[in-house]
Amino acid sequence: MALNVEYPWLKDMSSFILQQALRDQKTAFDNFCNSRIKARYPRFKRKDGRKSIRLT
């Protein structure tokens, strides 16, 4: 209930998009911590670069 008051803009988008962002973040963190996968630190992108989302 507190999220509705504090962050009303979260209701503007689909919950699937928010859940997928968390899944992507977990995958990236797991890859970074896995010693067999040579994942690097994240690269910062430009703010005005290409933006995209996945809808399935």
N, C-alpha and C. Protein backbone atom coordinates (compact mmCIF):
# COMPACT_ATOMS: atom_id res chain seq x y z
N MET A 1 0.81 -1.20 0.00
CA MET A 1 0.00 0.00 0.00
C MET A 1 0.86 1.26 0.00
N ALA A 2 1.99 1.24 0.66
CA ALA A 2 2.83 2.43 0.74
C ALA A 2 3.45 2.75 -0.62
N LEU A 3 3.67 1.74 -1.46
CA LEU A 3 4.24 2.00 -2.78
C LEU A 3 3.30 2.83 -3.64
N ASN A 4 2.00 2.61 -3.49
CA ASN A 4 1.03 3.38 -4.27
C ASN A 4 1.10 4.86 -3.93
N VAL A 5 1.35 5.18 -2.67
CA VAL A 5 1.42 6.57 -2.25
C VAL A 5 2.77 7.17 -2.60
N GLU A 6 3.83 6.41 -2.36
CA GLU A 6 5.18 6.95 -2.54
C GLU A 6 5.62 6.98 -4.00
N TYR A 7 5.23 5.97 -4.78
CA TYR A 7 5.64 5.86 -6.18
C TYR A 7 4.41 5.63 -7.07
N PRO A 8 3.60 6.63 -7.28
CA PRO A 8 2.39 6.42 -8.10
C PRO A 8 2.71 6.14 -9.57
N TRP A 9 3.89 6.53 -10.05
CA TRP A 9 4.25 6.31 -11.45
C TRP A 9 4.47 4.84 -11.77
N LEU A 10 4.61 3.97 -10.75
CA LEU A 10 4.78 2.54 -11.02
C LEU A 10 3.52 1.93 -11.62
N LYS A 11 2.38 2.53 -11.36
CA LYS A 11 1.12 2.03 -11.90
C LYS A 11 0.96 2.36 -13.39
N ASP A 12 1.79 3.27 -13.90
CA ASP A 12 1.67 3.69 -15.29
C ASP A 12 2.15 2.64 -16.28
N MET A 13 2.94 1.68 -15.83
CA MET A 13 3.48 0.68 -16.74
C MET A 13 3.04 -0.72 -16.32
N SER A 14 3.21 -1.64 -17.21
CA SER A 14 2.84 -3.02 -16.95
C SER A 14 3.75 -3.64 -15.89
N SER A 15 3.19 -4.49 -15.07
CA SER A 15 4.00 -5.15 -14.04
C SER A 15 5.01 -6.12 -14.65
N PHE A 16 4.71 -6.63 -15.85
CA PHE A 16 5.64 -7.54 -16.53
C PHE A 16 6.97 -6.87 -16.80
N ILE A 17 6.94 -5.61 -17.19
CA ILE A 17 8.18 -4.88 -17.49
C ILE A 17 9.04 -4.75 -16.24
N LEU A 18 8.42 -4.45 -15.12
CA LEU A 18 9.16 -4.32 -13.86
C LEU A 18 9.74 -5.66 -13.42
N GLN A 19 8.96 -6.73 -13.56
CA GLN A 19 9.44 -8.06 -13.19
C GLN A 19 10.59 -8.50 -14.08
N GLN A 20 10.49 -8.21 -15.39
CA GLN A 20 11.54 -8.60 -16.31
C GLN A 20 12.83 -7.84 -16.02
N ALA A 21 12.73 -6.59 -15.62
CA ALA A 21 13.92 -5.81 -15.26
C ALA A 21 14.62 -6.44 -14.06
N LEU A 22 13.85 -6.91 -13.10
CA LEU A 22 14.46 -7.58 -11.93
C LEU A 22 15.11 -8.90 -12.32
N ARG A 23 14.46 -9.64 -13.24
CA ARG A 23 15.06 -10.91 -13.71
C ARG A 23 16.37 -10.65 -14.44
N ASP A 24 16.39 -9.62 -15.29
CA ASP A 24 17.61 -9.28 -16.02
C ASP A 24 18.72 -8.87 -15.06
N GLN A 25 18.37 -8.11 -14.03
CA GLN A 25 19.36 -7.67 -13.05
C GLN A 25 19.92 -8.86 -12.29
N LYS A 26 19.07 -9.83 -11.93
CA LYS A 26 19.54 -11.02 -11.21
C LYS A 26 20.47 -11.85 -12.10
N THR A 27 20.12 -12.00 -13.37
CA THR A 27 20.96 -12.75 -14.30
C THR A 27 22.33 -12.08 -14.45
N ALA A 28 22.33 -10.78 -14.58
CA ALA A 28 23.59 -10.05 -14.73
C ALA A 28 24.45 -10.19 -13.48
N PHE A 29 23.84 -10.10 -12.31
CA PHE A 29 24.59 -10.23 -11.07
C PHE A 29 25.12 -11.64 -10.89
N ASP A 30 24.30 -12.65 -11.22
CA ASP A 30 24.76 -14.04 -11.13
C ASP A 30 25.92 -14.30 -12.08
N ASN A 31 25.85 -13.76 -13.30
CA ASN A 31 26.95 -13.92 -14.25
C ASN A 31 28.21 -13.24 -13.76
N PHE A 32 28.06 -12.07 -13.15
CA PHE A 32 29.21 -11.34 -12.65
C PHE A 32 29.90 -12.10 -11.52
N CYS A 33 29.12 -12.75 -10.67
CA CYS A 33 29.69 -13.46 -9.52
C CYS A 33 30.20 -14.85 -9.88
N ASN A 34 29.83 -15.38 -11.03
CA ASN A 34 30.26 -16.70 -11.45
C ASN A 34 31.68 -16.61 -12.01
N SER A 35 32.59 -17.38 -11.43
CA SER A 35 34.00 -17.30 -11.85
C SER A 35 34.24 -17.94 -13.22
N ARG A 36 33.39 -18.85 -13.67
CA ARG A 36 33.58 -19.48 -14.97
C ARG A 36 33.20 -18.57 -16.12
N ILE A 37 32.27 -17.65 -15.86
CA ILE A 37 31.86 -16.69 -16.88
C ILE A 37 32.65 -15.41 -16.65
N LYS A 38 33.33 -14.95 -17.66
CA LYS A 38 34.18 -13.78 -17.52
C LYS A 38 33.37 -12.50 -17.75
N ALA A 39 32.41 -12.24 -16.89
CA ALA A 39 31.61 -11.02 -17.00
C ALA A 39 32.39 -9.85 -16.42
N ARG A 40 32.21 -8.69 -17.04
CA ARG A 40 32.92 -7.50 -16.60
C ARG A 40 31.98 -6.55 -15.88
N TYR A 41 32.55 -5.47 -15.38
CA TYR A 41 31.73 -4.43 -14.77
C TYR A 41 30.82 -3.84 -15.84
N PRO A 42 29.67 -3.32 -15.44
CA PRO A 42 28.75 -2.76 -16.45
C PRO A 42 29.33 -1.51 -17.09
N ARG A 43 28.99 -1.32 -18.34
CA ARG A 43 29.40 -0.12 -19.07
C ARG A 43 28.23 0.85 -19.05
N PHE A 44 28.52 2.09 -18.74
CA PHE A 44 27.48 3.09 -18.68
C PHE A 44 27.16 3.57 -20.09
N LYS A 45 25.87 3.65 -20.37
CA LYS A 45 25.41 4.06 -21.68
C LYS A 45 25.00 5.53 -21.66
N ARG A 46 24.87 6.09 -22.82
CA ARG A 46 24.42 7.47 -22.92
C ARG A 46 22.96 7.58 -22.52
N LYS A 47 22.62 8.68 -21.92
CA LYS A 47 21.25 8.88 -21.46
C LYS A 47 20.29 9.02 -22.64
N ASP A 48 20.76 9.61 -23.74
CA ASP A 48 19.87 9.83 -24.88
C ASP A 48 20.04 8.75 -25.95
N GLY A 49 20.58 7.62 -25.58
CA GLY A 49 20.79 6.53 -26.53
C GLY A 49 19.49 5.80 -26.85
N ARG A 50 19.62 4.73 -27.61
CA ARG A 50 18.47 3.94 -28.03
C ARG A 50 17.84 3.24 -26.83
N LYS A 51 16.56 3.34 -26.70
CA LYS A 51 15.84 2.70 -25.60
C LYS A 51 14.91 1.63 -26.16
N SER A 52 14.81 0.53 -25.46
CA SER A 52 13.93 -0.52 -25.94
C SER A 52 13.40 -1.31 -24.76
N ILE A 53 12.30 -2.00 -24.98
CA ILE A 53 11.72 -2.89 -23.97
C ILE A 53 11.31 -4.18 -24.67
N ARG A 54 11.12 -5.22 -23.88
CA ARG A 54 10.65 -6.50 -24.41
C ARG A 54 9.22 -6.71 -23.94
N LEU A 55 8.36 -7.04 -24.86
CA LEU A 55 6.98 -7.37 -24.53
C LEU A 55 6.70 -8.78 -25.04
N THR A 56 6.37 -9.67 -24.14
CA THR A 56 6.04 -11.03 -24.56
C THR A 56 4.77 -11.47 -23.89
